[in-house]
Amino acid sequence: MRLWVIRHAKAEQGFAGPDAARALTPRGIRQAAFLASELATQADPPTLLVASPAVRTVQTATPIAEALGVECTTDDRLACDRGSNLAFDAIAAQDAPVFAVVGHNPTLEVIIAFLTQGVAGAGVRVRTGEAFLLESSDDQALEPGAASLVHRLRLDD
């Protein structure tokens, strides 16, 4: 399994509406475009993209999906208030050898720490607009500590 774990790009702060309706800032739009262009140049890019239904995650995922020529679907289990157990369920439900999830902290930090170190909350920091490629054998795909961190991407401007 090759899993890209992507945190949504930089979103509006101080938004008066619901958290899920926050949109990307101009910097976030640049971050999403950078991730799209970088993922499109990978030797083995994702063939499936699943995102939280929040506006900022869909706005991050859409240019990536377009650059890869794949469909982006949303999954409520990746929503910002759903927690890591449901996010793991969403990941386990995917049937592609290389895929990407776009979501939120702290859930993504928990997923990466659990899959790479076997311990949730092991000090992994995932910044906005950052992508991590995790790799594991298919028979141990979601086992604690079974994945390796292969690559990390982020636009630093």
Protein backbone atom coordinates (compact mmCIF):
# COMPACT_ATOMS: atom_id res chain seq x y z
CA MET A 1 0.00 0.00 0.00
CA ARG A 2 1.17 3.49 -0.84
CA LEU A 3 -0.86 6.13 0.96
CA TRP A 4 -0.55 9.87 0.50
CA VAL A 5 -1.78 11.65 3.64
CA ILE A 6 -2.50 15.28 2.81
CA ARG A 7 -3.55 18.04 5.16
CA HIS A 8 -5.75 20.70 3.59
CA ALA A 9 -3.99 23.86 2.46
CA LYS A 10 -4.06 27.15 4.40
CA ALA A 11 -7.65 28.21 5.15
CA GLU A 12 -9.37 31.36 6.33
CA GLN A 13 -9.03 32.30 9.99
CA GLY A 14 -11.70 34.15 11.97
CA PHE A 15 -14.45 32.94 9.64
CA ALA A 16 -17.91 33.75 11.03
CA GLY A 17 -19.65 30.71 9.53
CA PRO A 18 -19.35 27.01 10.30
CA ASP A 19 -15.82 25.58 10.42
CA ALA A 20 -16.53 23.18 7.54
CA ALA A 21 -17.34 26.15 5.28
CA ARG A 22 -13.91 27.83 5.59
CA ALA A 23 -12.29 28.38 2.20
CA LEU A 24 -8.63 28.48 1.20
CA THR A 25 -6.64 31.68 1.40
CA PRO A 26 -4.55 32.83 -1.59
CA ARG A 27 -1.57 31.05 0.03
CA GLY A 28 -3.71 27.91 0.37
CA ILE A 29 -4.59 28.07 -3.32
CA ARG A 30 -0.86 28.22 -4.15
CA GLN A 31 -0.19 25.28 -1.82
CA ALA A 32 -2.91 23.18 -3.47
CA ALA A 33 -1.55 24.00 -6.94
CA PHE A 34 1.97 23.04 -5.80
CA LEU A 35 0.76 19.69 -4.42
CA ALA A 36 -1.15 19.03 -7.65
CA SER A 37 1.89 19.67 -9.80
CA GLU A 38 4.22 17.65 -7.55
CA LEU A 39 1.91 14.64 -7.25
CA ALA A 40 1.40 14.62 -11.03
CA THR A 41 5.17 14.16 -11.50
CA GLN A 42 5.43 11.15 -9.19
CA ALA A 43 6.45 7.87 -10.82
CA ASP A 44 3.52 6.11 -9.14
CA PRO A 45 0.86 8.78 -8.46
CA PRO A 46 -2.39 8.18 -6.60
CA THR A 47 -5.16 6.62 -8.66
CA LEU A 48 -7.81 7.44 -6.07
CA LEU A 49 -8.40 10.59 -4.02
CA VAL A 50 -10.73 10.77 -1.01
CA ALA A 51 -11.33 13.98 0.94
CA SER A 52 -13.22 15.29 3.92
CA PRO A 53 -16.38 17.09 2.78
CA ALA A 54 -15.15 20.40 4.30
CA VAL A 55 -14.78 23.21 1.75
CA ARG A 56 -11.05 23.65 2.41
CA THR A 57 -10.26 19.97 1.86
CA VAL A 58 -12.32 19.79 -1.34
CA GLN A 59 -10.59 22.96 -2.57
CA THR A 60 -7.23 21.33 -1.82
CA ALA A 61 -8.16 18.00 -3.41
CA THR A 62 -9.80 19.32 -6.60
CA PRO A 63 -6.67 20.63 -8.36
CA ILE A 64 -4.82 17.46 -7.33
CA ALA A 65 -7.55 15.26 -8.81
CA GLU A 66 -7.59 17.34 -12.00
CA ALA A 67 -3.78 17.13 -12.36
CA LEU A 68 -3.87 13.36 -11.85
CA GLY A 69 -6.92 12.80 -14.04
CA VAL A 70 -8.76 10.99 -11.24
CA GLU A 71 -12.05 11.53 -9.50
CA CYS A 72 -12.14 13.06 -6.04
CA THR A 73 -14.78 11.64 -3.73
CA THR A 74 -15.70 12.83 -0.27
CA ASP A 75 -16.14 10.68 2.80
CA ASP A 76 -17.82 11.95 5.96
CA ARG A 77 -15.52 9.71 8.03
CA LEU A 78 -12.68 12.13 7.17
CA ALA A 79 -14.56 15.21 8.45
CA CYS A 80 -12.70 17.34 10.98
CA ASP A 81 -14.83 16.30 13.95
CA ARG A 82 -15.01 12.56 13.29
CA GLY A 83 -11.78 11.29 14.88
CA SER A 84 -9.07 8.89 13.86
CA ASN A 85 -11.01 5.61 14.22
CA LEU A 86 -13.47 6.62 11.52
CA ALA A 87 -10.63 7.98 9.37
CA PHE A 88 -8.90 4.59 9.63
CA ASP A 89 -12.15 2.97 8.50
CA ALA A 90 -12.25 5.30 5.48
CA ILE A 91 -8.66 4.39 4.60
CA ALA A 92 -9.27 0.66 5.04
CA ALA A 93 -12.27 0.86 2.70
CA GLN A 94 -10.13 1.97 -0.26
CA ASP A 95 -9.22 -0.58 -2.89
CA ALA A 96 -6.31 0.98 -4.74
CA PRO A 97 -2.59 0.25 -4.42
CA VAL A 98 -1.77 3.99 -4.40
CA PHE A 99 -4.30 6.48 -3.07
CA ALA A 100 -4.53 9.77 -1.21
CA VAL A 101 -6.66 11.11 1.62
CA VAL A 102 -7.11 14.82 2.27
CA GLY A 103 -8.16 15.72 5.78
CA HIS A 104 -7.51 17.54 9.04
CA ASN A 105 -5.38 17.60 12.15
CA PRO A 106 -5.16 16.15 14.71
CA THR A 107 -6.53 13.07 12.91
CA LEU A 108 -3.82 13.02 10.24
CA GLU A 109 -1.05 13.34 12.82
CA VAL A 110 -2.51 10.38 14.70
CA ILE A 111 -2.74 8.28 11.52
CA ILE A 112 0.84 8.99 10.45
CA ALA A 113 2.28 8.39 13.93
CA PHE A 114 0.31 5.16 14.37
CA LEU A 115 1.21 3.74 10.95
CA THR A 116 4.89 4.71 11.08
CA GLN A 117 5.72 4.44 14.78
CA GLY A 118 2.96 2.29 16.21
CA VAL A 119 1.95 4.98 18.69
CA ALA A 120 -0.72 7.61 18.25
CA GLY A 121 0.43 11.10 19.14
CA ALA A 122 4.14 10.33 18.74
CA GLY A 123 5.10 13.89 17.88
CA VAL A 124 4.38 13.93 14.16
CA ARG A 125 3.61 17.45 12.95
CA VAL A 126 1.55 17.91 9.79
CA ARG A 127 1.38 21.51 8.60
CA THR A 128 -1.26 22.96 6.30
CA GLY A 129 -0.64 22.08 2.67
CA GLU A 130 1.70 19.21 3.56
CA ALA A 131 1.66 15.72 2.05
CA PHE A 132 3.28 12.53 3.41
CA LEU A 133 3.77 9.36 1.38
CA LEU A 134 3.56 6.24 3.54
CA GLU A 135 4.41 2.79 2.23
CA SER A 136 3.76 -0.66 3.67
CA SER A 137 3.32 -4.19 2.44
CA ASP A 138 -0.28 -4.96 1.51
CA ASP A 139 -0.64 -7.69 4.13
CA GLN A 140 0.33 -5.25 6.91
CA ALA A 141 -1.16 -2.09 5.41
CA LEU A 142 -2.79 -0.66 8.54
CA GLU A 143 -0.79 -2.43 11.24
CA PRO A 144 0.83 -0.25 13.93
CA GLY A 145 4.33 0.78 12.92
CA ALA A 146 4.21 -1.16 9.63
CA ALA A 147 4.54 1.83 7.30
CA SER A 148 7.59 3.81 6.33
CA LEU A 149 7.64 7.51 5.57
CA VAL A 150 8.91 7.63 2.00
CA HIS A 151 8.40 11.23 0.93
CA ARG A 152 7.17 14.57 2.21
CA LEU A 153 5.98 17.59 0.18
CA ARG A 154 5.16 21.18 1.12
CA LEU A 155 5.37 24.56 -0.57
CA ASP A 156 7.40 26.86 1.63
CA ASP A 157 6.79 30.39 0.48
